[in-house]
Amino acid sequence: MTTEHRQGAFSAEISQDAELASTILSLSYEDPQNPARNMSISIAPDLGSNLYRFRVGEHEVIYCERELLKQKSFTGDFVLWPLPNRVRNRRYSFQGQEYSLEEVKRPQGNYVLIHGLVFDRQWHYEQPVVQQDAVSVTTYVDINKESDHWYESYPFDSRLSLTYTLTSEGVQITYQVQNKGNKVLPFGFALHPYFSLLSGKQDTYVSVPAATVMEADEELLPTGRLLDVGTTMYAMFDVRQPVAVGNLKLDHVYMDLQPGTPAVIDYRQQGLQIRISASDDFTHAVIFTATEKDNFFCLEHQTCATDAINLHNQGEERQRMAHLLELQPGSSFKGELNYQVAFTR
């Protein structure tokens, strides 16, 4: 069964995808003068609230393998929360309490816990809201004893809500964390988008206004050293100016982002740019350029470092590197990411 709501150039559709075994929430914008500037997004709440589709004109900006999506694995644009990326030894401590993540299973890379606790959960959703100048929908997931398999690994009662808003300029994703428990809630939030290489590796360019990169060990965990990309020794990490994705070999966490300056993905053959900006709580960004045969790369804006919750316990300077967020009982916190679409010809 499909339901659709439309107002002017904007519409929302709720449908069922039998192959994916998921409800699909689709938001669309139709440019009245130029179909090449139409936009649409699709979200699968039953598959981790994955924003698996972002289409501009005829171009799929997000790379998604449907088989991986069905398995709730790493593809599309999935959600990293409450502990983004890896946690050293799958253990952490907070306010004097020790916690283990060893029982949490992952489809790959299980030696080091990867990518939070909600990307493979079934999320709830609210009815879409269609207006004259935008269309939006909200999804949410709870962590509590009743709903979460891994509650003992992260026993902090909470709700994460995501509101996806499509306008004529692109997509805004607002996240809200609510502390529903009686103790301080530690968290970080990120999205993990797989961006298509629409112009190939040599004509797809990326730039991120970051002054430093975090040194990592063989398990991609931070050593606690920050490297200045402006120096000759670490110039290979410098992406402050546009660099072809094919010239990069990265799986690194960047820091010291320049306020007010977006990261940019430039699809030069298509005359299309995705300009990514965020609220001030997004202090880190990860670039992953995958392998030679892959048709994607990742640019992940994060509110914290990899292994932030352990880095946080290692002194004041490393707390700045970690940027672990803490939320008092009964409080809530909001932030936002923007994927703005720009046409260069």
C-alpha atoms as a PDB file:
ATOM      1  CA  MET A   1       0.000   0.000   0.000  1.00  0.00           C
ATOM      2  CA  THR A   2       1.273   3.456  -0.929  1.00  0.00           C
ATOM      3  CA  THR A   3       0.153   6.803   0.467  1.00  0.00           C
ATOM      4  CA  GLU A   4       1.209  10.116  -1.054  1.00  0.00           C
ATOM      5  CA  HIS A   5       0.818  13.737   0.010  1.00  0.00           C
ATOM      6  CA  ARG A   6       1.636  16.685  -2.248  1.00  0.00           C
ATOM      7  CA  GLN A   7       1.700  20.448  -1.919  1.00  0.00           C
ATOM      8  CA  GLY A   8       3.035  22.484  -4.813  1.00  0.00           C
ATOM      9  CA  ALA A   9       6.493  21.257  -5.865  1.00  0.00           C
ATOM     10  CA  PHE A  10       6.930  19.017  -2.790  1.00  0.00           C
ATOM     11  CA  SER A  11       5.565  15.568  -2.023  1.00  0.00           C
ATOM     12  CA  ALA A  12       5.961  12.703   0.442  1.00  0.00           C
ATOM     13  CA  GLU A  13       5.260   9.030  -0.120  1.00  0.00           C
ATOM     14  CA  ILE A  14       5.063   6.088   2.276  1.00  0.00           C
ATOM     15  CA  SER A  15       5.400   2.753   0.490  1.00  0.00           C
ATOM     16  CA  GLN A  16       6.475  -0.842   1.055  1.00  0.00           C
ATOM     17  CA  ASP A  17       9.477  -2.438  -0.649  1.00  0.00           C
ATOM     18  CA  ALA A  18       8.914  -6.189  -0.653  1.00  0.00           C
ATOM     19  CA  GLU A  19      12.492  -6.973  -1.694  1.00  0.00           C
ATOM     20  CA  LEU A  20      13.980  -4.883   1.109  1.00  0.00           C
ATOM     21  CA  ALA A  21      11.213  -5.940   3.527  1.00  0.00           C
ATOM     22  CA  SER A  22      10.972  -2.355   4.712  1.00  0.00           C
ATOM     23  CA  THR A  23       8.716   0.640   4.727  1.00  0.00           C
ATOM     24  CA  ILE A  24      10.170   3.365   2.500  1.00  0.00           C
ATOM     25  CA  LEU A  25       9.793   7.077   3.248  1.00  0.00           C
ATOM     26  CA  SER A  26      10.353   9.164   0.103  1.00  0.00           C
ATOM     27  CA  LEU A  27      10.523  12.959  -0.089  1.00  0.00           C
ATOM     28  CA  SER A  28      10.540  14.720  -3.480  1.00  0.00           C
ATOM     29  CA  TYR A  29      10.970  18.156  -5.016  1.00  0.00           C
ATOM     30  CA  GLU A  30      10.085  18.900  -8.631  1.00  0.00           C
ATOM     31  CA  ASP A  31      11.703  21.989 -10.122  1.00  0.00           C
ATOM     32  CA  PRO A  32       8.982  23.722 -12.152  1.00  0.00           C
ATOM     33  CA  GLN A  33      11.452  25.013 -14.759  1.00  0.00           C
ATOM     34  CA  ASN A  34      14.231  22.419 -15.003  1.00  0.00           C
ATOM     35  CA  PRO A  35      13.782  18.671 -14.354  1.00  0.00           C
ATOM     36  CA  ALA A  36      17.582  18.322 -14.072  1.00  0.00           C
ATOM     37  CA  ARG A  37      17.209  20.086 -10.732  1.00  0.00           C
ATOM     38  CA  ASN A  38      14.574  17.755  -9.320  1.00  0.00           C
ATOM     39  CA  MET A  39      15.572  16.098  -6.046  1.00  0.00           C
ATOM     40  CA  SER A  40      14.386  13.127  -4.030  1.00  0.00           C
ATOM     41  CA  ILE A  41      15.519  11.115  -1.020  1.00  0.00           C
ATOM     42  CA  SER A  42      14.442   7.743   0.361  1.00  0.00           C
ATOM     43  CA  ILE A  43      14.823   6.466   3.928  1.00  0.00           C
ATOM     44  CA  ALA A  44      14.345   2.881   5.158  1.00  0.00           C
ATOM     45  CA  PRO A  45      13.288   3.081   8.848  1.00  0.00           C
ATOM     46  CA  ASP A  46      13.179  -0.698   9.225  1.00  0.00           C
ATOM     47  CA  LEU A  47      16.811  -0.891   8.075  1.00  0.00           C
ATOM     48  CA  GLY A  48      18.387   1.481  10.561  1.00  0.00           C
ATOM     49  CA  SER A  49      16.816   4.684   9.184  1.00  0.00           C
ATOM     50  CA  ASN A  50      19.290   4.475   6.322  1.00  0.00           C
ATOM     51  CA  LEU A  51      19.132   7.431   3.893  1.00  0.00           C
ATOM     52  CA  TYR A  52      19.943   5.040   1.079  1.00  0.00           C
ATOM     53  CA  ARG A  53      18.921   7.228  -1.852  1.00  0.00           C
ATOM     54  CA  PHE A  54      19.614  10.874  -2.736  1.00  0.00           C
ATOM     55  CA  ARG A  55      18.839  11.662  -6.345  1.00  0.00           C
ATOM     56  CA  VAL A  56      19.540  14.964  -8.125  1.00  0.00           C
ATOM     57  CA  GLY A  57      18.104  15.040 -11.627  1.00  0.00           C
ATOM     58  CA  GLU A  58      19.293  11.758 -13.149  1.00  0.00           C
ATOM     59  CA  HIS A  59      22.204  11.352 -10.738  1.00  0.00           C
ATOM     60  CA  GLU A  60      22.339   9.102  -7.666  1.00  0.00           C
ATOM     61  CA  VAL A  61      24.522  10.953  -5.165  1.00  0.00           C
ATOM     62  CA  ILE A  62      24.432   8.191  -2.538  1.00  0.00           C
ATOM     63  CA  TYR A  63      25.942   4.811  -3.435  1.00  0.00           C
ATOM     64  CA  CYS A  64      23.910   1.901  -2.107  1.00  0.00           C
ATOM     65  CA  GLU A  65      24.134  -1.850  -2.641  1.00  0.00           C
ATOM     66  CA  ARG A  66      20.671  -3.237  -2.042  1.00  0.00           C
ATOM     67  CA  GLU A  67      21.936  -6.630  -0.879  1.00  0.00           C
ATOM     68  CA  LEU A  68      24.046  -4.966   1.808  1.00  0.00           C
ATOM     69  CA  LEU A  69      21.127  -2.738   2.747  1.00  0.00           C
ATOM     70  CA  LYS A  70      18.887  -5.806   3.174  1.00  0.00           C
ATOM     71  CA  GLN A  71      21.523  -7.259   5.514  1.00  0.00           C
ATOM     72  CA  LYS A  72      21.637  -3.972   7.496  1.00  0.00           C
ATOM     73  CA  SER A  73      25.308  -3.718   6.640  1.00  0.00           C
ATOM     74  CA  PHE A  74      27.529  -0.814   5.604  1.00  0.00           C
ATOM     75  CA  THR A  75      26.098   1.006   2.563  1.00  0.00           C
ATOM     76  CA  GLY A  76      23.931   4.028   1.743  1.00  0.00           C
ATOM     77  CA  ASP A  77      24.051   6.707   4.447  1.00  0.00           C
ATOM     78  CA  PHE A  78      23.708   5.023   7.815  1.00  0.00           C
ATOM     79  CA  VAL A  79      23.576   6.295  11.371  1.00  0.00           C
ATOM     80  CA  LEU A  80      26.460   6.168  13.880  1.00  0.00           C
ATOM     81  CA  TRP A  81      25.217   6.547  17.457  1.00  0.00           C
ATOM     82  CA  PRO A  82      25.815   6.613  20.417  1.00  0.00           C
ATOM     83  CA  LEU A  83      29.509   5.647  20.027  1.00  0.00           C
ATOM     84  CA  PRO A  84      30.593   6.350  16.423  1.00  0.00           C
ATOM     85  CA  ASN A  85      33.280   4.217  14.794  1.00  0.00           C
ATOM     86  CA  ARG A  86      35.603   2.016  16.839  1.00  0.00           C
ATOM     87  CA  VAL A  87      35.988   1.485  20.578  1.00  0.00           C
ATOM     88  CA  ARG A  88      39.346   0.164  21.797  1.00  0.00           C
ATOM     89  CA  ASN A  89      39.150  -3.447  22.999  1.00  0.00           C
ATOM     90  CA  ARG A  90      35.352  -3.129  22.858  1.00  0.00           C
ATOM     91  CA  ARG A  91      35.431  -1.711  26.380  1.00  0.00           C
ATOM     92  CA  TYR A  92      35.011   1.718  27.922  1.00  0.00           C
ATOM     93  CA  SER A  93      34.508   3.432  31.242  1.00  0.00           C
ATOM     94  CA  PHE A  94      32.395   6.426  32.164  1.00  0.00           C
ATOM     95  CA  GLN A  95      32.121   8.153  35.538  1.00  0.00           C
ATOM     96  CA  GLY A  96      33.900   5.285  37.262  1.00  0.00           C
ATOM     97  CA  GLN A  97      31.808   2.488  35.756  1.00  0.00           C
ATOM     98  CA  GLU A  98      33.235  -0.138  33.388  1.00  0.00           C
ATOM     99  CA  TYR A  99      31.257  -1.340  30.374  1.00  0.00           C
ATOM    100  CA  SER A 100      31.819  -4.084  27.798  1.00  0.00           C
ATOM    101  CA  LEU A 101      30.683  -4.193  24.163  1.00  0.00           C
ATOM    102  CA  GLU A 102      31.987  -7.712  23.564  1.00  0.00           C
ATOM    103  CA  GLU A 103      28.508  -9.198  23.127  1.00  0.00           C
ATOM    104  CA  VAL A 104      27.661  -6.813  20.281  1.00  0.00           C
ATOM    105  CA  LYS A 105      27.979  -8.618  16.956  1.00  0.00           C
ATOM    106  CA  ARG A 106      28.747  -6.983  13.649  1.00  0.00           C
ATOM    107  CA  PRO A 107      28.670  -8.290  10.055  1.00  0.00           C
ATOM    108  CA  GLN A 108      32.343  -7.407   9.647  1.00  0.00           C
ATOM    109  CA  GLY A 109      35.290  -6.135  11.637  1.00  0.00           C
ATOM    110  CA  ASN A 110      34.047  -7.610  14.899  1.00  0.00           C
ATOM    111  CA  TYR A 111      37.469  -7.520  16.606  1.00  0.00           C
ATOM    112  CA  VAL A 112      37.013  -3.795  17.103  1.00  0.00           C
ATOM    113  CA  LEU A 113      33.393  -2.747  17.603  1.00  0.00           C
ATOM    114  CA  ILE A 114      32.400  -0.694  14.593  1.00  0.00           C
ATOM    115  CA  HIS A 115      29.801   2.000  14.110  1.00  0.00           C
ATOM    116  CA  GLY A 116      27.530   2.305  17.109  1.00  0.00           C
ATOM    117  CA  LEU A 117      24.381   0.463  18.141  1.00  0.00           C
ATOM    118  CA  VAL A 118      21.453   1.628  15.974  1.00  0.00           C
ATOM    119  CA  PHE A 119      22.307   1.201  12.260  1.00  0.00           C
ATOM    120  CA  ASP A 120      20.881  -2.345  12.295  1.00  0.00           C
ATOM    121  CA  ARG A 121      17.854  -1.535  14.478  1.00  0.00           C
ATOM    122  CA  GLN A 122      14.267  -1.072  13.368  1.00  0.00           C
ATOM    123  CA  TRP A 123      13.290   2.590  13.789  1.00  0.00           C
ATOM    124  CA  HIS A 124       9.863   4.186  14.215  1.00  0.00           C
ATOM    125  CA  TYR A 125       8.622   7.038  12.045  1.00  0.00           C
ATOM    126  CA  GLU A 126       6.107   9.860  12.171  1.00  0.00           C
ATOM    127  CA  GLN A 127       3.836  11.039   9.382  1.00  0.00           C
ATOM    128  CA  PRO A 128       5.594  13.274   6.832  1.00  0.00           C
ATOM    129  CA  VAL A 129       4.874  17.007   6.809  1.00  0.00           C
ATOM    130  CA  VAL A 130       4.439  18.616   3.374  1.00  0.00           C
ATOM    131  CA  GLN A 131       4.591  22.404   3.028  1.00  0.00           C
ATOM    132  CA  GLN A 132       4.853  24.860   0.153  1.00  0.00           C
ATOM    133  CA  ASP A 133       8.608  25.297   0.552  1.00  0.00           C
ATOM    134  CA  ALA A 134       9.775  21.990   2.092  1.00  0.00           C
ATOM    135  CA  VAL A 135       8.864  18.425   2.977  1.00  0.00           C
ATOM    136  CA  SER A 136      10.084  16.566   6.071  1.00  0.00           C
ATOM    137  CA  VAL A 137       9.796  13.319   8.002  1.00  0.00           C
ATOM    138  CA  THR A 138      11.041  12.235  11.442  1.00  0.00           C
ATOM    139  CA  THR A 139      12.328   8.805  12.490  1.00  0.00           C
ATOM    140  CA  TYR A 140      13.384   7.751  15.983  1.00  0.00           C
ATOM    141  CA  VAL A 141      14.894   4.888  17.969  1.00  0.00           C
ATOM    142  CA  ASP A 142      15.006   4.216  21.714  1.00  0.00           C
ATOM    143  CA  ILE A 143      17.616   2.639  23.916  1.00  0.00           C
ATOM    144  CA  ASN A 144      16.058   1.070  27.010  1.00  0.00           C
ATOM    145  CA  LYS A 145      15.673  -2.320  28.660  1.00  0.00           C
ATOM    146  CA  GLU A 146      12.558  -3.166  26.666  1.00  0.00           C
ATOM    147  CA  SER A 147      13.749  -2.260  23.171  1.00  0.00           C
ATOM    148  CA  ASP A 148      17.484  -2.771  22.974  1.00  0.00           C
ATOM    149  CA  HIS A 149      19.334  -6.097  22.649  1.00  0.00           C
ATOM    150  CA  TRP A 150      22.587  -4.576  23.884  1.00  0.00           C
ATOM    151  CA  TYR A 151      21.258  -2.547  26.812  1.00  0.00           C
ATOM    152  CA  GLU A 152      23.863  -3.894  29.234  1.00  0.00           C
ATOM    153  CA  SER A 153      26.577  -2.662  26.882  1.00  0.00           C
ATOM    154  CA  TYR A 154      25.190   0.885  26.900  1.00  0.00           C
ATOM    155  CA  PRO A 155      22.624   1.177  29.750  1.00  0.00           C
ATOM    156  CA  PHE A 156      21.678   4.814  29.148  1.00  0.00           C
ATOM    157  CA  ASP A 157      17.948   5.304  28.535  1.00  0.00           C
ATOM    158  CA  SER A 158      17.636   7.634  25.581  1.00  0.00           C
ATOM    159  CA  ARG A 159      15.979   8.470  22.296  1.00  0.00           C
ATOM    160  CA  LEU A 160      17.609   9.562  19.042  1.00  0.00           C
ATOM    161  CA  SER A 161      15.336  11.343  16.567  1.00  0.00           C
ATOM    162  CA  LEU A 162      16.260  12.339  13.016  1.00  0.00           C
ATOM    163  CA  THR A 163      14.269  14.857  10.988  1.00  0.00           C
ATOM    164  CA  TYR A 164      15.012  14.813   7.258  1.00  0.00           C
ATOM    165  CA  THR A 165      13.963  17.990   5.451  1.00  0.00           C
ATOM    166  CA  LEU A 166      14.103  18.375   1.665  1.00  0.00           C
ATOM    167  CA  THR A 167      14.014  21.875   0.170  1.00  0.00           C
ATOM    168  CA  SER A 168      14.791  23.229  -3.277  1.00  0.00           C
ATOM    169  CA  GLU A 169      18.407  23.641  -2.112  1.00  0.00           C
ATOM    170  CA  GLY A 170      19.110  20.152  -0.725  1.00  0.00           C
ATOM    171  CA  VAL A 171      18.729  18.041   2.396  1.00  0.00           C
ATOM    172  CA  GLN A 172      18.932  19.041   6.050  1.00  0.00           C
ATOM    173  CA  ILE A 173      19.209  16.330   8.717  1.00  0.00           C
ATOM    174  CA  THR A 174      18.494  17.456  12.273  1.00  0.00           C
ATOM    175  CA  TYR A 175      19.308  15.035  15.076  1.00  0.00           C
ATOM    176  CA  GLN A 176      17.939  15.258  18.612  1.00  0.00           C
ATOM    177  CA  VAL A 177      19.142  13.218  21.585  1.00  0.00           C
ATOM    178  CA  GLN A 178      16.926  12.963  24.669  1.00  0.00           C
ATOM    179  CA  ASN A 179      18.234  11.663  27.986  1.00  0.00           C
ATOM    180  CA  LYS A 180      15.347   9.629  29.394  1.00  0.00           C
ATOM    181  CA  GLY A 181      17.337   8.140  32.275  1.00  0.00           C
ATOM    182  CA  ASN A 182      18.532   9.303  35.671  1.00  0.00           C
ATOM    183  CA  LYS A 183      22.271   9.552  34.955  1.00  0.00           C
ATOM    184  CA  VAL A 184      24.511  11.568  32.652  1.00  0.00           C
ATOM    185  CA  LEU A 185      24.401  10.315  29.054  1.00  0.00           C
ATOM    186  CA  PRO A 186      27.688  10.141  27.050  1.00  0.00           C
ATOM    187  CA  PHE A 187      27.350  10.138  23.268  1.00  0.00           C
ATOM    188  CA  GLY A 188      28.588  11.071  19.855  1.00  0.00           C
ATOM    189  CA  PHE A 189      26.643  11.256  16.596  1.00  0.00           C
ATOM    190  CA  ALA A 190      27.569  10.900  12.947  1.00  0.00           C
ATOM    191  CA  LEU A 191      26.216   9.910   9.569  1.00  0.00           C
ATOM    192  CA  HIS A 192      28.222   7.572   7.341  1.00  0.00           C
ATOM    193  CA  PRO A 193      27.389   8.431   3.713  1.00  0.00           C
ATOM    194  CA  TYR A 194      28.819   6.457   0.811  1.00  0.00           C
ATOM    195  CA  PHE A 195      29.069   9.052  -1.949  1.00  0.00           C
ATOM    196  CA  SER A 196      28.968   7.944  -5.569  1.00  0.00           C
ATOM    197  CA  LEU A 197      31.919   8.701  -7.818  1.00  0.00           C
ATOM    198  CA  LEU A 198      29.703  10.224 -10.500  1.00  0.00           C
ATOM    199  CA  SER A 199      32.641  11.797 -12.351  1.00  0.00           C
ATOM    200  CA  GLY A 200      35.015   8.887 -11.772  1.00  0.00           C
ATOM    201  CA  LYS A 201      38.001   8.924  -9.448  1.00  0.00           C
ATOM    202  CA  GLN A 202      39.902  11.587 -11.358  1.00  0.00           C
ATOM    203  CA  ASP A 203      37.080  14.090 -11.938  1.00  0.00           C
ATOM    204  CA  THR A 204      35.362  13.755  -8.560  1.00  0.00           C
ATOM    205  CA  TYR A 205      37.063  16.220  -6.205  1.00  0.00           C
ATOM    206  CA  VAL A 206      36.774  16.656  -2.464  1.00  0.00           C
ATOM    207  CA  SER A 207      37.806  19.389  -0.055  1.00  0.00           C
ATOM    208  CA  VAL A 208      37.466  19.563   3.736  1.00  0.00           C
ATOM    209  CA  PRO A 209      38.543  22.697   5.666  1.00  0.00           C
ATOM    210  CA  ALA A 210      40.496  20.799   8.330  1.00  0.00           C
ATOM    211  CA  ALA A 211      43.830  21.934   9.792  1.00  0.00           C
ATOM    212  CA  THR A 212      44.785  18.678  11.511  1.00  0.00           C
ATOM    213  CA  VAL A 213      44.403  14.933  11.131  1.00  0.00           C
ATOM    214  CA  MET A 214      44.449  12.406  13.970  1.00  0.00           C
ATOM    215  CA  GLU A 215      47.284   9.898  13.929  1.00  0.00           C
ATOM    216  CA  ALA A 216      45.948   6.344  14.163  1.00  0.00           C
ATOM    217  CA  ASP A 217      47.377   2.909  14.840  1.00  0.00           C
ATOM    218  CA  GLU A 218      46.949  -0.221  12.714  1.00  0.00           C
ATOM    219  CA  GLU A 219      43.440  -0.738  14.093  1.00  0.00           C
ATOM    220  CA  LEU A 220      42.480   2.832  13.096  1.00  0.00           C
ATOM    221  CA  LEU A 221      42.299   3.900  16.740  1.00  0.00           C
ATOM    222  CA  PRO A 222      43.704   7.312  17.745  1.00  0.00           C
ATOM    223  CA  THR A 223      47.172   7.478  19.279  1.00  0.00           C
ATOM    224  CA  GLY A 224      46.481  10.892  20.803  1.00  0.00           C
ATOM    225  CA  ARG A 225      48.720  12.799  18.361  1.00  0.00           C
ATOM    226  CA  LEU A 226      47.418  15.516  16.052  1.00  0.00           C
ATOM    227  CA  LEU A 227      49.248  16.076  12.757  1.00  0.00           C
ATOM    228  CA  ASP A 228      49.364  19.514  11.133  1.00  0.00           C
ATOM    229  CA  VAL A 229      48.379  19.095   7.468  1.00  0.00           C
ATOM    230  CA  GLY A 230      50.022  22.436   6.675  1.00  0.00           C
ATOM    231  CA  THR A 231      53.512  21.023   7.247  1.00  0.00           C
ATOM    232  CA  THR A 232      55.595  19.350   4.543  1.00  0.00           C
ATOM    233  CA  MET A 233      55.748  16.074   6.477  1.00  0.00           C
ATOM    234  CA  TYR A 234      51.967  15.646   6.532  1.00  0.00           C
ATOM    235  CA  ALA A 235      51.030  17.410   3.302  1.00  0.00           C
ATOM    236  CA  MET A 236      49.668  14.135   1.881  1.00  0.00           C
ATOM    237  CA  PHE A 237      46.706  14.553   4.249  1.00  0.00           C
ATOM    238  CA  ASP A 238      45.954  18.131   3.217  1.00  0.00           C
ATOM    239  CA  VAL A 239      42.495  18.405   1.629  1.00  0.00           C
ATOM    240  CA  ARG A 240      41.833  22.071   2.348  1.00  0.00           C
ATOM    241  CA  GLN A 241      41.943  22.648  -1.413  1.00  0.00           C
ATOM    242  CA  PRO A 242      40.095  20.346  -3.857  1.00  0.00           C
ATOM    243  CA  VAL A 243      41.870  17.036  -4.541  1.00  0.00           C
ATOM    244  CA  ALA A 244      40.790  14.282  -6.930  1.00  0.00           C
ATOM    245  CA  VAL A 245      39.522  11.282  -4.960  1.00  0.00           C
ATOM    246  CA  GLY A 246      41.743   9.052  -7.107  1.00  0.00           C
ATOM    247  CA  ASN A 247      44.827  10.818  -5.726  1.00  0.00           C
ATOM    248  CA  LEU A 248      43.938  10.043  -2.100  1.00  0.00           C
ATOM    249  CA  LYS A 249      44.474   6.958   0.030  1.00  0.00           C
ATOM    250  CA  LEU A 250      42.725   7.769   3.277  1.00  0.00           C
ATOM    251  CA  ASP A 251      40.843   6.300   6.204  1.00  0.00           C
ATOM    252  CA  HIS A 252      41.491   9.169   8.584  1.00  0.00           C
ATOM    253  CA  VAL A 253      39.778  11.402  11.128  1.00  0.00           C
ATOM    254  CA  TYR A 254      40.179  15.147  10.552  1.00  0.00           C
ATOM    255  CA  MET A 255      39.890  17.863  13.192  1.00  0.00           C
ATOM    256  CA  ASP A 256      40.092  21.626  13.641  1.00  0.00           C
ATOM    257  CA  LEU A 257      37.493  22.370  10.979  1.00  0.00           C
ATOM    258  CA  GLN A 258      37.253  25.987   9.849  1.00  0.00           C
ATOM    259  CA  PRO A 259      33.951  27.447  11.090  1.00  0.00           C
ATOM    260  CA  GLY A 260      31.546  28.540   8.377  1.00  0.00           C
ATOM    261  CA  THR A 261      33.401  26.810   5.534  1.00  0.00           C
ATOM    262  CA  PRO A 262      31.673  23.774   4.003  1.00  0.00           C
ATOM    263  CA  ALA A 263      33.255  20.558   2.830  1.00  0.00           C
ATOM    264  CA  VAL A 264      32.667  20.200  -0.906  1.00  0.00           C
ATOM    265  CA  ILE A 265      32.245  17.229  -3.219  1.00  0.00           C
ATOM    266  CA  ASP A 266      32.664  18.464  -6.774  1.00  0.00           C
ATOM    267  CA  TYR A 267      31.351  16.275  -9.610  1.00  0.00           C
ATOM    268  CA  ARG A 268      33.063  18.145 -12.394  1.00  0.00           C
ATOM    269  CA  GLN A 269      31.682  16.172 -15.324  1.00  0.00           C
ATOM    270  CA  GLN A 270      28.112  16.750 -14.135  1.00  0.00           C
ATOM    271  CA  GLY A 271      28.538  20.388 -13.059  1.00  0.00           C
ATOM    272  CA  LEU A 272      27.197  19.378  -9.655  1.00  0.00           C
ATOM    273  CA  GLN A 273      28.473  20.031  -6.137  1.00  0.00           C
ATOM    274  CA  ILE A 274      27.393  18.783  -2.716  1.00  0.00           C
ATOM    275  CA  ARG A 275      28.350  21.349  -0.095  1.00  0.00           C
ATOM    276  CA  ILE A 276      28.274  19.886   3.415  1.00  0.00           C
ATOM    277  CA  SER A 277      27.915  22.181   6.390  1.00  0.00           C
ATOM    278  CA  ALA A 278      27.035  21.419   9.996  1.00  0.00           C
ATOM    279  CA  SER A 279      26.290  22.902  13.394  1.00  0.00           C
ATOM    280  CA  ASP A 280      29.228  23.619  15.695  1.00  0.00           C
ATOM    281  CA  ASP A 281      28.929  20.291  17.529  1.00  0.00           C
ATOM    282  CA  PHE A 282      30.339  18.536  14.425  1.00  0.00           C
ATOM    283  CA  THR A 283      34.027  18.924  15.224  1.00  0.00           C
ATOM    284  CA  HIS A 284      35.437  15.969  13.228  1.00  0.00           C
ATOM    285  CA  ALA A 285      35.199  14.527   9.726  1.00  0.00           C
ATOM    286  CA  VAL A 286      36.331  11.155   8.374  1.00  0.00           C
ATOM    287  CA  ILE A 287      37.482  10.551   4.788  1.00  0.00           C
ATOM    288  CA  PHE A 288      37.604   6.984   3.524  1.00  0.00           C
ATOM    289  CA  THR A 289      38.646   6.522  -0.106  1.00  0.00           C
ATOM    290  CA  ALA A 290      38.075   2.742  -0.252  1.00  0.00           C
ATOM    291  CA  THR A 291      39.877   0.552  -2.809  1.00  0.00           C
ATOM    292  CA  GLU A 292      40.678   0.818  -6.510  1.00  0.00           C
ATOM    293  CA  LYS A 293      37.644  -1.198  -7.565  1.00  0.00           C
ATOM    294  CA  ASP A 294      35.073   0.599  -5.413  1.00  0.00           C
ATOM    295  CA  ASN A 295      32.738   3.168  -6.961  1.00  0.00           C
ATOM    296  CA  PHE A 296      32.328   5.247  -3.814  1.00  0.00           C
ATOM    297  CA  PHE A 297      34.125   7.148  -1.105  1.00  0.00           C
ATOM    298  CA  CYS A 298      32.979   8.259   2.345  1.00  0.00           C
ATOM    299  CA  LEU A 299      32.930  11.701   3.923  1.00  0.00           C
ATOM    300  CA  GLU A 300      31.500  11.439   7.444  1.00  0.00           C
ATOM    301  CA  HIS A 301      30.885  14.447   9.650  1.00  0.00           C
ATOM    302  CA  GLN A 302      31.073  13.487  13.337  1.00  0.00           C
ATOM    303  CA  THR A 303      30.537  15.197  16.669  1.00  0.00           C
ATOM    304  CA  CYS A 304      33.483  13.303  18.146  1.00  0.00           C
ATOM    305  CA  ALA A 305      36.635  11.323  17.450  1.00  0.00           C
ATOM    306  CA  THR A 306      36.933   7.591  16.979  1.00  0.00           C
ATOM    307  CA  ASP A 307      37.091   5.953  20.438  1.00  0.00           C
ATOM    308  CA  ALA A 308      35.984   9.258  21.948  1.00  0.00           C
ATOM    309  CA  ILE A 309      34.688   7.755  25.161  1.00  0.00           C
ATOM    310  CA  ASN A 310      38.101   6.253  26.039  1.00  0.00           C
ATOM    311  CA  LEU A 311      40.076   9.235  24.745  1.00  0.00           C
ATOM    312  CA  HIS A 312      37.933  11.427  27.010  1.00  0.00           C
ATOM    313  CA  ASN A 313      39.410   9.704  30.083  1.00  0.00           C
ATOM    314  CA  GLN A 314      43.023  10.567  29.194  1.00  0.00           C
ATOM    315  CA  GLY A 315      43.363  14.174  30.344  1.00  0.00           C
ATOM    316  CA  GLU A 316      42.246  17.648  29.348  1.00  0.00           C
ATOM    317  CA  GLU A 317      44.035  17.893  25.983  1.00  0.00           C
ATOM    318  CA  ARG A 318      42.677  14.558  24.842  1.00  0.00           C
ATOM    319  CA  GLN A 319      39.211  15.559  25.976  1.00  0.00           C
ATOM    320  CA  ARG A 320      39.401  18.318  23.379  1.00  0.00           C
ATOM    321  CA  MET A 321      40.399  15.750  20.760  1.00  0.00           C
ATOM    322  CA  ALA A 322      37.639  13.377  21.856  1.00  0.00           C
ATOM    323  CA  HIS A 323      34.809  15.942  22.072  1.00  0.00           C
ATOM    324  CA  LEU A 324      32.552  13.441  23.827  1.00  0.00           C
ATOM    325  CA  LEU A 325      29.140  15.025  24.395  1.00  0.00           C
ATOM    326  CA  GLU A 326      27.387  14.638  27.759  1.00  0.00           C
ATOM    327  CA  LEU A 327      23.707  15.184  28.464  1.00  0.00           C
ATOM    328  CA  GLN A 328      22.100  15.663  31.870  1.00  0.00           C
ATOM    329  CA  PRO A 329      19.035  13.608  32.905  1.00  0.00           C
ATOM    330  CA  GLY A 330      15.827  14.985  31.386  1.00  0.00           C
ATOM    331  CA  SER A 331      17.695  17.179  28.904  1.00  0.00           C
ATOM    332  CA  SER A 332      17.850  17.125  25.121  1.00  0.00           C
ATOM    333  CA  PHE A 333      20.421  18.202  22.542  1.00  0.00           C
ATOM    334  CA  LYS A 334      20.102  19.106  18.855  1.00  0.00           C
ATOM    335  CA  GLY A 335      22.465  19.486  15.925  1.00  0.00           C
ATOM    336  CA  GLU A 336      22.205  19.485  12.155  1.00  0.00           C
ATOM    337  CA  LEU A 337      23.918  18.506   8.931  1.00  0.00           C
ATOM    338  CA  ASN A 338      23.205  20.100   5.564  1.00  0.00           C
ATOM    339  CA  TYR A 339      23.811  18.570   2.133  1.00  0.00           C
ATOM    340  CA  GLN A 340      23.375  21.611  -0.091  1.00  0.00           C
ATOM    341  CA  VAL A 341      23.185  21.058  -3.843  1.00  0.00           C
ATOM    342  CA  ALA A 342      24.916  23.570  -6.121  1.00  0.00           C
ATOM    343  CA  PHE A 343      24.890  23.584  -9.927  1.00  0.00           C
ATOM    344  CA  THR A 344      28.075  24.924 -11.478  1.00  0.00           C
ATOM    345  CA  ARG A 345      26.813  25.133 -15.027  1.00  0.00           C
END
